[in-house]
Amino acid sequence: MQTRLFIGGEWVPPAEGGTLPVVNPATEAVIHHIPAATAPDAEAAVRAARAAFDTGPWPRITGAERARTLRAIADGIRARLSDLARLEVLDNGKPLPEAEWDIGDAAGCFDYYAGLAADLDGEAEQIALPDARFTASAVREPVGVAAAIIPWNYPLLMAAWKVAPALAAGCTMVLKPSEHTSLTALELGRIVAEAGLPPGVLNIVTGLGATVGQALVDHPGIDKLAFTGSVPTGARLMAAAARDIKNISLELGGKSPFVIFADSQIEKAVEWIMFGIFWNQGQVCSATSRVLVERSLYPALLERLVAEARRITIGDGLEQGTLLGPLVNEQQYRKVLGFIDRARADGATVACGGRAEGFAKGYFVAPTVLTDVPPTAEVWTEEIFGPVVCIRPFDTEDEAVQMANDSRFGLAAAVMSADKARCERVARAFRAGIVWINCSQPTFTEAPWGGMKQSGIGRELGRWGLDNYLETKQITAFVSDEPWGWYIR
């Protein structure tokens, strides 16, 4: 495991020599220490990225050449998939099969953007003009030096979602992973170096968001900010970006609804409810944490959901058969339990779940189902980011849509029904950037990801993710042999 920062293609110690502990959330044991970067390290990283963009080869080589490096990075991730997945479990707590899935998706993300990088070669849109004496075209060029600040719920995958399209576009980048889960991000530095990425194109600095993260946000040498995290932090970043008119994209929180009509099959509904909220311990920005069930189906579905939630195997992510690991750290553990305690005080019923029993150590919260939740209650309106689902009945389609949309968030939403026309109608009525029909949470690199309202600005993944790191330039030429004629003596 790495103990230095990756800046300018070199492994260097943090300027002030500080470190941060890495705590295994299943055992609470300190298993490693990562470097704690500060403002001087951020300065060095931006300087390296700036030099690589302004004078280095990366923005100037062909897209096909960049694609070869991106594919080499993907191959490097796959070659170390088992080791990287184990690090994710030790760092984040998620079950090993989930971590392996995430690492495979990270490699696939680099492969996908390699293909888009190659497609950029020779790209120029010819623009029809009303004056034949001129020609005009629009070309897309890299935005410049990007700073990516990523969360702790999908450590390497969230890095890939930002690093891969940025590199494909020809940008250079400073990556700041969460201080809670930096192990695989640091290993990415080793992988990109082995893949032949030129020095300074990707720089990785670990440390506290309030220090190194803020230094990156405030740095005038950063052209683009890409952030995934909470709404309050996103708002602060947006305000900071406004000072320099920085390009910014934000993928923020969610409180996503799942509307289930009475003609749905209970078994399928319960499976997708559980996947939508208990996958990754519920630490998913798009988690469908508000479930609305048509009243005639509500009692039977609730009974089945509670029974199945109680059967989920909780434990160390490295133990075979574990489906629900610990939360990422003590702070998140206490935060989620606080939500559950306050829900009781607000009149909600805990049908199952709460603090997991039988663990002397570790940040374990059992799959939790809350009923009788008032629509004004904190657990119904605020993002919990844990394995906690609120379930309420509804009577009409219009009521369900109104309840689903009654949120300051608009990241994702889901609907389930045997009536295809109704599914399409409700999907169109949702005010959310991502909508699922008869499922919850499937995510594909090829499709756009992002939200409406306070869930963010911009889109990641697909060609939309590449657009985040490109600027459009107009090029107009005077091609006539005749003089322009504005001023002739």
Protein backbone atom coordinates (compact mmCIF):
# COMPACT_ATOMS: atom_id res chain seq x y z
CA MET A 1 0.00 0.00 0.00
CA GLN A 2 1.31 3.39 -1.04
CA THR A 3 2.55 5.97 1.51
CA ARG A 4 3.43 8.86 -0.83
CA LEU A 5 1.67 11.29 -3.14
CA PHE A 6 1.74 10.92 -6.91
CA ILE A 7 2.79 14.27 -8.38
CA GLY A 8 4.46 14.92 -11.72
CA GLY A 9 4.91 11.22 -12.36
CA GLU A 10 6.88 10.75 -9.11
CA TRP A 11 6.06 9.39 -5.67
CA VAL A 12 6.81 12.18 -3.23
CA PRO A 13 6.31 12.62 0.53
CA PRO A 14 3.77 15.22 1.68
CA ALA A 15 5.36 18.62 2.24
CA GLU A 16 4.47 18.72 5.93
CA GLY A 17 5.03 15.01 6.55
CA GLY A 18 1.58 14.32 7.94
CA THR A 19 -0.39 11.10 7.69
CA LEU A 20 -3.97 9.95 8.23
CA PRO A 21 -4.97 6.54 9.63
CA VAL A 22 -6.76 3.96 7.50
CA VAL A 23 -9.34 2.15 9.65
CA ASN A 24 -10.90 -1.17 8.66
CA PRO A 25 -14.61 -0.50 9.29
CA ALA A 26 -15.30 -4.17 10.04
CA THR A 27 -12.74 -4.41 12.85
CA GLU A 28 -11.98 -0.76 13.75
CA ALA A 29 -8.28 -1.63 13.46
CA VAL A 30 -5.81 0.85 11.96
CA ILE A 31 -4.31 -1.03 9.01
CA HIS A 32 -2.27 1.65 7.27
CA HIS A 33 -1.52 5.38 7.08
CA ILE A 34 -1.94 7.52 3.97
CA PRO A 35 -0.10 10.77 3.27
CA ALA A 36 -1.89 13.92 4.41
CA ALA A 37 -1.34 16.50 1.67
CA THR A 38 -1.67 20.20 2.42
CA ALA A 39 -1.76 23.41 0.39
CA PRO A 40 1.90 23.17 -0.77
CA ASP A 41 1.21 19.70 -2.17
CA ALA A 42 -1.89 20.96 -3.96
CA GLU A 43 0.23 23.75 -5.44
CA ALA A 44 2.84 21.25 -6.66
CA ALA A 45 0.16 19.00 -8.17
CA VAL A 46 -1.56 21.85 -10.01
CA ARG A 47 1.80 23.12 -11.25
CA ALA A 48 2.63 19.66 -12.61
CA ALA A 49 -0.77 19.33 -14.28
CA ARG A 50 -0.52 22.86 -15.69
CA ALA A 51 2.88 22.18 -17.22
CA ALA A 52 1.68 18.87 -18.67
CA PHE A 53 -1.27 20.61 -20.29
CA ASP A 54 0.44 23.79 -21.48
CA THR A 55 3.65 22.28 -22.86
CA GLY A 56 3.34 18.50 -22.64
CA PRO A 57 2.35 16.03 -25.34
CA TRP A 58 -0.94 14.73 -23.92
CA PRO A 59 -3.35 17.37 -25.29
CA ARG A 60 -1.48 17.42 -28.62
CA ILE A 61 -1.29 13.75 -29.52
CA THR A 62 -4.07 12.08 -31.45
CA GLY A 63 -7.11 10.62 -29.79
CA ALA A 64 -6.03 7.22 -31.04
CA GLU A 65 -2.75 7.57 -29.15
CA ARG A 66 -4.58 8.57 -25.98
CA ALA A 67 -6.88 5.59 -26.50
CA ARG A 68 -3.93 3.19 -26.43
CA THR A 69 -2.87 4.52 -23.04
CA LEU A 70 -6.40 4.37 -21.68
CA ARG A 71 -6.71 0.74 -22.75
CA ALA A 72 -3.39 -0.01 -21.09
CA ILE A 73 -4.76 1.52 -17.88
CA ALA A 74 -7.86 -0.69 -18.17
CA ASP A 75 -5.63 -3.74 -18.64
CA GLY A 76 -3.56 -2.72 -15.62
CA ILE A 77 -6.67 -2.50 -13.45
CA ARG A 78 -7.89 -5.91 -14.60
CA ALA A 79 -4.49 -7.47 -13.98
CA ARG A 80 -4.74 -6.37 -10.33
CA LEU A 81 -8.48 -6.79 -9.88
CA SER A 82 -8.28 -9.18 -6.93
CA ASP A 83 -5.77 -7.08 -5.01
CA LEU A 84 -7.63 -3.84 -5.69
CA ALA A 85 -10.96 -5.36 -4.65
CA ARG A 86 -9.47 -6.56 -1.38
CA LEU A 87 -8.13 -3.06 -0.68
CA GLU A 88 -11.61 -1.63 -1.31
CA VAL A 89 -13.09 -4.03 1.23
CA LEU A 90 -10.48 -3.16 3.86
CA ASP A 91 -10.95 0.55 3.19
CA ASN A 92 -14.71 0.84 2.57
CA GLY A 93 -16.23 -2.29 4.11
CA LYS A 94 -18.32 -3.45 1.15
CA PRO A 95 -18.63 -7.20 0.44
CA LEU A 96 -15.84 -8.60 -1.73
CA PRO A 97 -18.09 -9.61 -4.68
CA GLU A 98 -19.39 -6.04 -4.86
CA ALA A 99 -15.85 -4.69 -4.76
CA GLU A 100 -14.80 -7.02 -7.57
CA TRP A 101 -17.76 -5.83 -9.62
CA ASP A 102 -16.77 -2.20 -9.00
CA ILE A 103 -13.14 -2.74 -10.03
CA GLY A 104 -14.25 -4.51 -13.20
CA ASP A 105 -16.56 -1.58 -13.98
CA ALA A 106 -13.68 0.86 -13.43
CA ALA A 107 -11.60 -0.98 -16.02
CA GLY A 108 -14.56 -1.00 -18.40
CA CYS A 109 -14.92 2.76 -17.97
CA PHE A 110 -11.37 3.32 -19.23
CA ASP A 111 -12.04 1.02 -22.18
CA TYR A 112 -15.23 2.88 -23.06
CA TYR A 113 -13.59 6.30 -23.04
CA ALA A 114 -10.69 4.96 -25.05
CA GLY A 115 -13.21 4.39 -27.82
CA LEU A 116 -14.56 7.92 -27.53
CA ALA A 117 -11.02 9.34 -27.50
CA ALA A 118 -10.31 7.71 -30.84
CA ASP A 119 -13.53 9.18 -32.24
CA LEU A 120 -12.31 12.70 -31.48
CA ASP A 121 -9.65 12.56 -34.20
CA GLY A 122 -10.51 14.82 -37.11
CA GLU A 123 -13.77 15.85 -35.51
CA ALA A 124 -14.95 19.18 -36.90
CA GLU A 125 -18.55 20.15 -37.48
CA GLN A 126 -18.96 22.23 -40.64
CA ILE A 127 -21.44 25.07 -40.15
CA ALA A 128 -23.59 26.31 -43.04
CA LEU A 129 -23.34 30.10 -43.42
CA PRO A 130 -25.48 32.54 -45.43
CA ASP A 131 -22.34 34.21 -46.89
CA ALA A 132 -20.32 32.04 -49.31
CA ARG A 133 -17.21 34.14 -48.76
CA PHE A 134 -16.78 32.50 -45.34
CA THR A 135 -16.47 28.99 -43.97
CA ALA A 136 -17.03 28.05 -40.36
CA SER A 137 -16.50 24.95 -38.27
CA ALA A 138 -16.87 23.98 -34.64
CA VAL A 139 -14.21 21.88 -32.96
CA ARG A 140 -14.02 20.51 -29.43
CA GLU A 141 -10.85 20.89 -27.41
CA PRO A 142 -9.87 19.87 -23.85
CA VAL A 143 -11.02 22.28 -21.15
CA GLY A 144 -7.58 22.33 -19.50
CA VAL A 145 -6.53 21.32 -16.00
CA ALA A 146 -9.27 19.57 -14.05
CA ALA A 147 -9.55 18.92 -10.33
CA ALA A 148 -11.63 15.89 -9.40
CA ILE A 149 -12.89 15.46 -5.84
CA ILE A 150 -14.50 12.08 -5.27
CA PRO A 151 -16.45 10.38 -2.45
CA TRP A 152 -15.83 7.25 -0.41
CA ASN A 153 -18.70 4.99 -1.47
CA TYR A 154 -17.16 3.69 -4.73
CA PRO A 155 -13.48 4.68 -4.39
CA LEU A 156 -11.86 3.50 -7.62
CA LEU A 157 -15.03 3.53 -9.72
CA MET A 158 -15.79 7.18 -8.91
CA ALA A 159 -12.19 8.01 -9.81
CA ALA A 160 -12.62 6.24 -13.15
CA TRP A 161 -15.84 8.13 -13.90
CA LYS A 162 -13.84 11.36 -13.83
CA VAL A 163 -10.29 10.40 -14.76
CA ALA A 164 -11.16 8.34 -17.84
CA PRO A 165 -13.22 10.98 -19.72
CA ALA A 166 -10.83 13.76 -18.70
CA LEU A 167 -7.84 11.88 -20.10
CA ALA A 168 -9.81 10.90 -23.20
CA ALA A 169 -10.54 14.58 -23.86
CA GLY A 170 -6.86 15.51 -23.53
CA CYS A 171 -7.13 17.20 -20.14
CA THR A 172 -4.69 16.87 -17.29
CA MET A 173 -5.97 16.30 -13.78
CA VAL A 174 -5.42 16.47 -10.06
CA LEU A 175 -7.40 13.73 -8.31
CA LYS A 176 -8.33 14.17 -4.66
CA PRO A 177 -9.91 10.98 -3.26
CA SER A 178 -11.84 10.89 -0.01
CA GLU A 179 -9.56 10.81 3.02
CA HIS A 180 -11.65 7.85 4.22
CA THR A 181 -10.95 5.62 1.19
CA SER A 182 -7.75 6.55 -0.64
CA LEU A 183 -5.99 3.21 -1.02
CA THR A 184 -7.10 2.22 -4.52
CA ALA A 185 -6.83 5.80 -5.83
CA LEU A 186 -3.16 5.79 -4.86
CA GLU A 187 -2.71 2.43 -6.57
CA LEU A 188 -4.16 4.01 -9.71
CA GLY A 189 -1.05 6.19 -9.80
CA ARG A 190 1.12 3.10 -10.10
CA ILE A 191 -1.13 1.70 -12.82
CA VAL A 192 -1.15 4.84 -14.99
CA ALA A 193 2.62 5.16 -14.70
CA GLU A 194 3.06 1.57 -15.89
CA ALA A 195 0.64 2.29 -18.74
CA GLY A 196 2.91 5.06 -20.01
CA LEU A 197 0.85 8.11 -19.08
CA PRO A 198 3.18 11.14 -19.36
CA PRO A 199 4.31 12.74 -16.09
CA GLY A 200 1.95 15.34 -14.69
CA VAL A 201 -1.10 14.26 -16.69
CA LEU A 202 -2.63 12.63 -13.60
CA ASN A 203 -1.63 13.70 -10.10
CA ILE A 204 -3.08 12.13 -6.95
CA VAL A 205 -3.12 13.94 -3.62
CA THR A 206 -4.68 12.49 -0.49
CA GLY A 207 -5.68 14.42 2.60
CA LEU A 208 -8.45 16.33 4.28
CA GLY A 209 -11.00 18.08 2.13
CA ALA A 210 -10.82 21.20 4.27
CA THR A 211 -7.12 21.59 3.48
CA VAL A 212 -5.94 20.03 0.24
CA GLY A 213 -9.42 19.92 -1.28
CA GLN A 214 -10.06 23.57 -0.57
CA ALA A 215 -6.62 24.50 -1.92
CA LEU A 216 -7.50 22.83 -5.22
CA VAL A 217 -10.90 24.52 -5.41
CA ASP A 218 -9.35 27.94 -4.82
CA HIS A 219 -6.36 27.52 -7.14
CA PRO A 220 -6.44 29.84 -10.19
CA GLY A 221 -4.57 27.22 -12.22
CA ILE A 222 -7.60 24.90 -12.18
CA ASP A 223 -9.89 25.28 -15.20
CA LYS A 224 -12.48 22.66 -14.29
CA LEU A 225 -13.93 21.32 -11.04
CA ALA A 226 -15.65 17.93 -10.98
CA PHE A 227 -17.18 16.97 -7.66
CA THR A 228 -19.28 14.11 -6.32
CA GLY A 229 -20.56 14.44 -2.77
CA SER A 230 -23.02 16.20 -0.52
CA VAL A 231 -25.24 19.17 -1.36
CA PRO A 232 -23.70 21.51 1.27
CA THR A 233 -20.18 20.83 0.04
CA GLY A 234 -21.30 21.18 -3.58
CA ALA A 235 -22.84 24.55 -2.80
CA ARG A 236 -19.59 25.76 -1.27
CA LEU A 237 -17.62 24.55 -4.29
CA MET A 238 -20.03 26.26 -6.66
CA ALA A 239 -19.60 29.54 -4.81
CA ALA A 240 -15.82 29.17 -4.89
CA ALA A 241 -15.84 28.31 -8.59
CA ALA A 242 -17.86 31.45 -9.31
CA ARG A 243 -14.96 33.65 -8.18
CA ASP A 244 -12.81 32.53 -11.13
CA ILE A 245 -15.73 31.49 -13.38
CA LYS A 246 -14.43 27.91 -13.31
CA ASN A 247 -16.17 25.25 -15.36
CA ILE A 248 -17.95 23.02 -12.84
CA SER A 249 -19.95 19.79 -12.73
CA LEU A 250 -21.62 18.52 -9.57
CA GLU A 251 -23.08 15.10 -8.80
CA LEU A 252 -24.76 15.57 -5.43
CA GLY A 253 -27.21 13.83 -3.16
CA GLY A 254 -30.52 12.14 -3.66
CA LYS A 255 -33.65 10.92 -1.93
CA SER A 256 -34.93 8.78 -4.76
CA PRO A 257 -38.49 7.40 -4.86
CA PHE A 258 -39.59 3.93 -5.99
CA VAL A 259 -43.29 3.78 -6.97
CA ILE A 260 -44.76 0.26 -6.99
CA PHE A 261 -48.24 -0.39 -8.35
CA ALA A 262 -50.54 -3.19 -7.20
CA ASP A 263 -50.14 -5.23 -10.38
CA SER A 264 -46.44 -5.81 -9.64
CA GLN A 265 -45.13 -9.21 -8.61
CA ILE A 266 -44.21 -9.13 -4.93
CA GLU A 267 -41.07 -11.23 -5.34
CA LYS A 268 -39.64 -8.96 -8.02
CA ALA A 269 -40.67 -5.82 -6.17
CA VAL A 270 -39.00 -6.93 -2.94
CA GLU A 271 -35.81 -7.94 -4.72
CA TRP A 272 -35.50 -4.58 -6.46
CA ILE A 273 -36.39 -2.66 -3.30
CA MET A 274 -33.62 -4.44 -1.42
CA PHE A 275 -31.08 -3.98 -4.20
CA GLY A 276 -32.08 -0.33 -4.46
CA ILE A 277 -31.37 0.43 -0.80
CA PHE A 278 -29.17 -2.30 0.74
CA TRP A 279 -26.54 -2.63 -2.03
CA ASN A 280 -23.28 -1.04 -0.83
CA GLN A 281 -24.88 -0.69 2.63
CA GLY A 282 -27.21 1.95 1.20
CA GLN A 283 -24.27 4.28 0.70
CA VAL A 284 -25.41 5.15 -2.81
CA CYS A 285 -26.41 8.65 -3.93
CA SER A 286 -29.19 7.27 -6.14
CA ALA A 287 -30.52 4.75 -3.57
CA THR A 288 -34.29 4.38 -3.84
CA SER A 289 -34.83 5.12 -0.16
CA ARG A 290 -38.48 6.29 -0.41
CA VAL A 291 -40.75 3.43 -1.44
CA LEU A 292 -44.36 4.19 -2.36
CA VAL A 293 -46.65 1.16 -2.67
CA GLU A 294 -50.24 1.08 -3.92
CA ARG A 295 -52.43 0.52 -0.86
CA SER A 296 -53.94 -2.84 -1.87
CA LEU A 297 -50.46 -4.36 -2.25
CA TYR A 298 -48.90 -2.56 0.72
CA PRO A 299 -49.58 -5.04 3.60
CA ALA A 300 -48.39 -8.14 1.76
CA LEU A 301 -45.35 -6.41 0.27
CA LEU A 302 -44.33 -4.93 3.62
CA GLU A 303 -44.57 -8.32 5.32
CA ARG A 304 -42.40 -9.95 2.65
CA LEU A 305 -39.89 -7.09 2.61
CA VAL A 306 -39.37 -7.23 6.37
CA ALA A 307 -38.96 -11.01 6.31
CA GLU A 308 -36.38 -10.86 3.52
CA ALA A 309 -34.50 -7.91 5.06
CA ARG A 310 -34.06 -9.89 8.28
CA ARG A 311 -32.48 -12.74 6.31
CA ILE A 312 -29.67 -10.62 4.82
CA THR A 313 -26.26 -11.81 6.02
CA ILE A 314 -24.35 -9.03 7.78
CA GLY A 315 -20.60 -9.27 8.36
CA ASP A 316 -17.04 -8.55 7.34
CA GLY A 317 -16.89 -7.94 3.61
CA LEU A 318 -14.05 -10.46 3.29
CA GLU A 319 -16.17 -13.28 4.75
CA GLN A 320 -17.89 -15.52 2.21
CA GLY A 321 -21.64 -15.04 2.05
CA THR A 322 -21.69 -11.50 3.42
CA LEU A 323 -24.30 -9.37 1.67
CA LEU A 324 -24.16 -6.31 3.92
CA GLY A 325 -20.87 -5.02 5.29
CA PRO A 326 -20.18 -2.25 7.81
CA LEU A 327 -20.67 1.42 7.11
CA VAL A 328 -17.54 3.22 6.02
CA ASN A 329 -16.55 4.79 9.35
CA GLU A 330 -17.70 5.65 12.86
CA GLN A 331 -18.97 9.07 11.84
CA GLN A 332 -21.31 7.60 9.22
CA TYR A 333 -22.35 4.83 11.61
CA ARG A 334 -23.41 7.31 14.28
CA LYS A 335 -25.08 9.54 11.69
CA VAL A 336 -27.28 6.70 10.37
CA LEU A 337 -28.22 5.47 13.86
CA GLY A 338 -29.10 9.07 14.74
CA PHE A 339 -31.49 9.22 11.79
CA ILE A 340 -33.21 6.03 13.01
CA ASP A 341 -33.50 7.32 16.60
CA ARG A 342 -35.00 10.62 15.43
CA ALA A 343 -37.39 8.74 13.12
CA ARG A 344 -38.83 6.96 16.16
CA ALA A 345 -39.22 10.31 17.87
CA ASP A 346 -41.08 11.62 14.80
CA GLY A 347 -43.60 8.79 15.05
CA ALA A 348 -42.13 6.26 12.60
CA THR A 349 -42.19 2.53 13.31
CA VAL A 350 -39.01 0.47 12.94
CA ALA A 351 -40.39 -2.66 11.30
CA CYS A 352 -36.91 -4.19 11.38
CA GLY A 353 -33.28 -3.16 11.64
CA GLY A 354 -31.35 -0.55 13.56
CA ARG A 355 -28.07 -1.28 15.29
CA ALA A 356 -26.84 -4.73 14.22
CA GLU A 357 -26.50 -7.18 17.09
CA GLY A 358 -23.70 -9.63 17.72
CA PHE A 359 -20.69 -7.48 16.76
CA ALA A 360 -18.14 -6.47 19.37
CA LYS A 361 -16.37 -4.26 16.81
CA GLY A 362 -17.26 -2.68 13.50
CA TYR A 363 -19.75 -0.15 12.19
CA PHE A 364 -22.64 -2.49 11.43
CA VAL A 365 -26.21 -1.32 10.87
CA ALA A 366 -28.87 -3.90 10.06
CA PRO A 367 -31.14 -3.51 7.01
CA THR A 368 -33.77 -1.12 8.33
CA VAL A 369 -37.39 -0.70 7.20
CA LEU A 370 -39.34 2.29 8.54
CA THR A 371 -43.12 2.56 8.29
CA ASP A 372 -45.69 5.16 9.39
CA VAL A 373 -43.23 7.85 8.36
CA PRO A 374 -44.76 11.35 8.22
CA PRO A 375 -44.03 13.02 4.86
CA THR A 376 -42.45 15.93 6.74
CA ALA A 377 -40.13 13.71 8.78
CA GLU A 378 -36.38 14.10 8.38
CA VAL A 379 -35.95 10.46 7.31
CA TRP A 380 -38.44 11.01 4.47
CA THR A 381 -36.91 14.25 3.19
CA GLU A 382 -33.16 14.01 3.89
CA GLU A 383 -30.49 11.72 2.47
CA ILE A 384 -29.45 9.14 5.08
CA PHE A 385 -26.76 7.29 3.08
CA GLY A 386 -27.23 4.03 4.89
CA PRO A 387 -29.31 0.81 4.71
CA VAL A 388 -32.55 2.54 5.72
CA VAL A 389 -35.71 2.54 3.61
CA CYS A 390 -38.97 4.40 4.31
CA ILE A 391 -42.17 2.87 2.94
CA ARG A 392 -45.61 4.51 2.57
CA PRO A 393 -48.87 3.55 0.83
CA PHE A 394 -50.64 5.57 -1.89
CA ASP A 395 -54.05 5.41 -3.53
CA THR A 396 -53.79 6.97 -7.00
CA GLU A 397 -51.19 7.42 -9.71
CA ASP A 398 -51.38 11.19 -9.44
CA GLU A 399 -50.83 11.01 -5.68
CA ALA A 400 -47.81 8.73 -6.15
CA VAL A 401 -46.20 11.06 -8.69
CA GLN A 402 -46.86 14.09 -6.50
CA MET A 403 -45.30 12.38 -3.47
CA ALA A 404 -42.36 11.15 -5.52
CA ASN A 405 -41.60 14.62 -6.89
CA ASP A 406 -42.09 16.38 -3.55
CA SER A 407 -38.36 16.62 -2.83
CA ARG A 408 -35.55 19.13 -3.26
CA PHE A 409 -33.59 16.26 -4.82
CA GLY A 410 -33.99 14.90 -8.33
CA LEU A 411 -31.25 12.38 -8.96
CA ALA A 412 -33.14 9.15 -9.64
CA ALA A 413 -36.58 7.53 -9.49
CA ALA A 414 -38.09 4.13 -10.26
CA VAL A 415 -41.49 2.76 -11.14
CA MET A 416 -42.79 -0.83 -11.23
CA SER A 417 -45.97 -2.04 -12.90
CA ALA A 418 -47.14 -4.67 -15.36
CA ASP A 419 -48.79 -1.85 -17.33
CA LYS A 420 -46.13 -0.61 -19.77
CA ALA A 421 -48.07 2.50 -20.73
CA ARG A 422 -48.41 3.48 -17.09
CA CYS A 423 -44.70 2.94 -16.52
CA GLU A 424 -43.83 5.19 -19.43
CA ARG A 425 -46.31 7.83 -18.28
CA VAL A 426 -44.97 7.87 -14.72
CA ALA A 427 -41.35 7.80 -15.90
CA ARG A 428 -41.98 10.94 -17.96
CA ALA A 429 -43.70 12.60 -15.00
CA PHE A 430 -40.79 12.08 -12.60
CA ARG A 431 -38.55 15.12 -12.03
CA ALA A 432 -35.32 13.15 -11.95
CA GLY A 433 -32.27 12.78 -14.13
CA ILE A 434 -32.23 8.97 -13.99
CA VAL A 435 -35.38 6.84 -14.20
CA TRP A 436 -35.69 3.07 -13.95
CA ILE A 437 -38.68 1.00 -15.05
CA ASN A 438 -39.29 -2.35 -13.31
CA CYS A 439 -35.86 -2.21 -11.69
CA SER A 440 -33.67 0.01 -9.52
CA GLN A 441 -30.00 1.02 -9.75
CA PRO A 442 -28.67 -0.68 -12.92
CA THR A 443 -25.92 1.63 -14.17
CA PHE A 444 -24.18 1.52 -17.54
CA THR A 445 -21.12 3.48 -18.60
CA GLU A 446 -22.81 4.27 -21.91
CA ALA A 447 -25.83 6.10 -20.39
CA PRO A 448 -25.88 9.63 -18.87
CA TRP A 449 -25.74 9.96 -15.09
CA GLY A 450 -26.79 13.05 -13.16
CA GLY A 451 -29.67 14.82 -11.50
CA MET A 452 -32.11 17.69 -11.48
CA LYS A 453 -32.86 20.25 -8.77
CA GLN A 454 -30.37 20.06 -5.88
CA SER A 455 -28.98 16.75 -7.07
CA GLY A 456 -26.43 18.43 -9.27
CA ILE A 457 -25.32 20.10 -12.47
CA GLY A 458 -24.16 18.33 -15.61
CA ARG A 459 -23.94 14.67 -16.53
CA GLU A 460 -21.30 11.98 -16.17
CA LEU A 461 -20.86 8.77 -18.18
CA GLY A 462 -21.58 8.19 -21.84
CA ARG A 463 -20.68 10.85 -24.37
CA TRP A 464 -22.09 13.37 -21.87
CA GLY A 465 -19.25 12.55 -19.49
CA LEU A 466 -16.71 13.35 -22.21
CA ASP A 467 -18.47 16.65 -22.90
CA ASN A 468 -17.71 17.68 -19.30
CA TYR A 469 -14.05 17.99 -20.24
CA LEU A 470 -14.36 19.61 -23.68
CA GLU A 471 -14.83 23.20 -24.82
CA THR A 472 -16.33 24.16 -28.18
CA LYS A 473 -14.30 26.48 -30.41
CA GLN A 474 -15.63 28.25 -33.49
CA ILE A 475 -13.20 28.67 -36.42
CA THR A 476 -14.32 31.01 -39.21
CA ALA A 477 -12.28 31.72 -42.35
CA PHE A 478 -12.59 34.32 -45.14
CA VAL A 479 -12.06 32.30 -48.35
CA SER A 480 -12.99 34.73 -51.11
CA ASP A 481 -10.44 36.15 -53.60
CA GLU A 482 -12.39 39.41 -53.60
CA PRO A 483 -11.73 42.10 -50.98
CA TRP A 484 -14.02 42.27 -48.01
CA GLY A 485 -15.02 45.77 -49.01
CA TRP A 486 -15.48 47.51 -45.71
CA TYR A 487 -12.69 50.01 -46.34
CA ILE A 488 -11.27 50.54 -49.84
CA ARG A 489 -9.32 53.67 -50.88
